[in-house]
Amino acid sequence: MKVYIAGPMTGYDNFNRDSFFSRANFIEKCGDTPLNPAVLPDGLTQGQYMDICFAMIRAADAIYLLKGYEESKGAMAELAYAEKLELKIMEQE
């Protein structure tokens, strides 16, 4: 299964990359393929990030929501898109 990771980035130390990479490692250890937006480089516009992330979501079977995703406009947009595509929704406890 290909799993897109969504969560808050803006306002977090190093854009919360530690949480994204930790979850990506766990997904990989479970035998699935993580689609991790934290691998994207700094310096793009919000629109460019969202365009790339929506393409990743279209390639996914599921979306995994990191803690705090509710406070992120980007993560909420990604969740809405994943729901529209009828992907499996998983949430960090």
C-alpha atoms as a PDB file:
ATOM      1  CA  MET A   1       0.000   0.000   0.000  1.00  0.00           C
ATOM      2  CA  LYS A   2       1.206   3.532  -0.774  1.00  0.00           C
ATOM      3  CA  VAL A   3       0.604   5.869   2.184  1.00  0.00           C
ATOM      4  CA  TYR A   4       0.729   9.667   1.923  1.00  0.00           C
ATOM      5  CA  ILE A   5       1.768  11.408   5.160  1.00  0.00           C
ATOM      6  CA  ALA A   6      -0.054  14.652   6.016  1.00  0.00           C
ATOM      7  CA  GLY A   7       0.487  16.927   8.957  1.00  0.00           C
ATOM      8  CA  PRO A   8       1.467  20.361  10.180  1.00  0.00           C
ATOM      9  CA  MET A   9       4.728  21.876   8.946  1.00  0.00           C
ATOM     10  CA  THR A  10       4.516  25.672   9.098  1.00  0.00           C
ATOM     11  CA  GLY A  11       5.681  27.081  12.422  1.00  0.00           C
ATOM     12  CA  TYR A  12       7.389  23.852  13.531  1.00  0.00           C
ATOM     13  CA  ASP A  13      11.129  23.374  14.066  1.00  0.00           C
ATOM     14  CA  ASN A  14      12.617  22.120  10.780  1.00  0.00           C
ATOM     15  CA  PHE A  15       9.053  22.089   9.409  1.00  0.00           C
ATOM     16  CA  ASN A  16       8.196  19.034  11.558  1.00  0.00           C
ATOM     17  CA  ARG A  17      10.352  16.875   9.310  1.00  0.00           C
ATOM     18  CA  ASP A  18      11.362  14.600  12.223  1.00  0.00           C
ATOM     19  CA  SER A  19       7.736  13.493  12.668  1.00  0.00           C
ATOM     20  CA  PHE A  20       7.278  12.957   8.936  1.00  0.00           C
ATOM     21  CA  PHE A  21      10.485  10.918   8.582  1.00  0.00           C
ATOM     22  CA  SER A  22       9.759   8.887  11.715  1.00  0.00           C
ATOM     23  CA  ARG A  23       6.343   7.908  10.357  1.00  0.00           C
ATOM     24  CA  ALA A  24       7.808   7.203   6.903  1.00  0.00           C
ATOM     25  CA  ASN A  25      10.310   4.800   8.478  1.00  0.00           C
ATOM     26  CA  PHE A  26       7.492   3.038  10.362  1.00  0.00           C
ATOM     27  CA  ILE A  27       5.379   2.736   7.199  1.00  0.00           C
ATOM     28  CA  GLU A  28       8.359   1.271   5.345  1.00  0.00           C
ATOM     29  CA  LYS A  29       9.031  -1.243   8.157  1.00  0.00           C
ATOM     30  CA  CYS A  30       5.400  -2.380   7.829  1.00  0.00           C
ATOM     31  CA  GLY A  31       6.090  -3.220   4.185  1.00  0.00           C
ATOM     32  CA  ASP A  32       4.256  -0.249   2.691  1.00  0.00           C
ATOM     33  CA  THR A  33       5.536   2.673   0.613  1.00  0.00           C
ATOM     34  CA  PRO A  34       5.557   6.089   2.289  1.00  0.00           C
ATOM     35  CA  LEU A  35       4.841   9.178   0.210  1.00  0.00           C
ATOM     36  CA  ASN A  36       6.538  11.835   2.308  1.00  0.00           C
ATOM     37  CA  PRO A  37       6.121  15.537   1.459  1.00  0.00           C
ATOM     38  CA  ALA A  38       8.910  16.402   3.915  1.00  0.00           C
ATOM     39  CA  VAL A  39      11.421  15.318   1.258  1.00  0.00           C
ATOM     40  CA  LEU A  40      10.504  18.359  -0.843  1.00  0.00           C
ATOM     41  CA  PRO A  41      13.074  21.175  -0.889  1.00  0.00           C
ATOM     42  CA  ASP A  42      12.629  24.533   0.789  1.00  0.00           C
ATOM     43  CA  GLY A  43      11.884  27.539  -1.406  1.00  0.00           C
ATOM     44  CA  LEU A  44       8.700  26.628  -3.271  1.00  0.00           C
ATOM     45  CA  THR A  45       5.448  28.557  -2.977  1.00  0.00           C
ATOM     46  CA  GLN A  46       2.518  27.131  -1.030  1.00  0.00           C
ATOM     47  CA  GLY A  47       0.721  26.551  -4.341  1.00  0.00           C
ATOM     48  CA  GLN A  48       3.687  24.646  -5.756  1.00  0.00           C
ATOM     49  CA  TYR A  49       3.897  22.454  -2.646  1.00  0.00           C
ATOM     50  CA  MET A  50       0.176  21.705  -2.802  1.00  0.00           C
ATOM     51  CA  ASP A  51       0.355  20.860  -6.513  1.00  0.00           C
ATOM     52  CA  ILE A  52       3.121  18.320  -5.875  1.00  0.00           C
ATOM     53  CA  CYS A  53       1.392  16.946  -2.769  1.00  0.00           C
ATOM     54  CA  PHE A  54      -1.921  16.476  -4.582  1.00  0.00           C
ATOM     55  CA  ALA A  55      -0.076  14.453  -7.234  1.00  0.00           C
ATOM     56  CA  MET A  56       1.374  12.306  -4.442  1.00  0.00           C
ATOM     57  CA  ILE A  57      -2.112  11.846  -2.967  1.00  0.00           C
ATOM     58  CA  ARG A  58      -3.446  10.719  -6.360  1.00  0.00           C
ATOM     59  CA  ALA A  59      -0.772   7.993  -6.323  1.00  0.00           C
ATOM     60  CA  ALA A  60      -1.678   6.886  -2.772  1.00  0.00           C
ATOM     61  CA  ASP A  61      -3.968   4.202  -1.411  1.00  0.00           C
ATOM     62  CA  ALA A  62      -4.224   5.839   2.017  1.00  0.00           C
ATOM     63  CA  ILE A  63      -3.445   9.038   3.896  1.00  0.00           C
ATOM     64  CA  TYR A  64      -1.852   9.062   7.344  1.00  0.00           C
ATOM     65  CA  LEU A  65      -2.572  12.127   9.489  1.00  0.00           C
ATOM     66  CA  LEU A  66       0.070  13.227  11.978  1.00  0.00           C
ATOM     67  CA  LYS A  67      -0.895  14.818  15.303  1.00  0.00           C
ATOM     68  CA  GLY A  68      -1.904  18.437  14.907  1.00  0.00           C
ATOM     69  CA  TYR A  69      -3.121  18.054  11.324  1.00  0.00           C
ATOM     70  CA  GLU A  70      -6.380  19.836  12.246  1.00  0.00           C
ATOM     71  CA  GLU A  71      -4.431  23.081  12.756  1.00  0.00           C
ATOM     72  CA  SER A  72      -2.867  22.946   9.281  1.00  0.00           C
ATOM     73  CA  LYS A  73      -4.767  24.419   6.325  1.00  0.00           C
ATOM     74  CA  GLY A  74      -2.593  22.382   3.955  1.00  0.00           C
ATOM     75  CA  ALA A  75      -3.168  19.098   5.784  1.00  0.00           C
ATOM     76  CA  MET A  76      -6.915  19.764   5.946  1.00  0.00           C
ATOM     77  CA  ALA A  77      -6.972  20.392   2.176  1.00  0.00           C
ATOM     78  CA  GLU A  78      -5.024  17.160   1.662  1.00  0.00           C
ATOM     79  CA  LEU A  79      -7.491  15.278   3.867  1.00  0.00           C
ATOM     80  CA  ALA A  80     -10.470  16.671   1.935  1.00  0.00           C
ATOM     81  CA  TYR A  81      -8.844  15.637  -1.356  1.00  0.00           C
ATOM     82  CA  ALA A  82      -8.063  12.149  -0.010  1.00  0.00           C
ATOM     83  CA  GLU A  83     -11.660  11.788   1.165  1.00  0.00           C
ATOM     84  CA  LYS A  84     -12.906  12.844  -2.276  1.00  0.00           C
ATOM     85  CA  LEU A  85     -10.676  10.158  -3.824  1.00  0.00           C
ATOM     86  CA  GLU A  86     -12.028   7.658  -1.256  1.00  0.00           C
ATOM     87  CA  LEU A  87      -8.607   6.811   0.163  1.00  0.00           C
ATOM     88  CA  LYS A  88      -8.237   4.953   3.435  1.00  0.00           C
ATOM     89  CA  ILE A  89      -7.820   7.473   6.287  1.00  0.00           C
ATOM     90  CA  MET A  90      -5.458   6.714   9.165  1.00  0.00           C
ATOM     91  CA  GLU A  91      -4.777   9.007  12.107  1.00  0.00           C
ATOM     92  CA  GLN A  92      -1.919   9.139  14.619  1.00  0.00           C
ATOM     93  CA  GLU A  93      -3.121   8.374  18.129  1.00  0.00           C
END
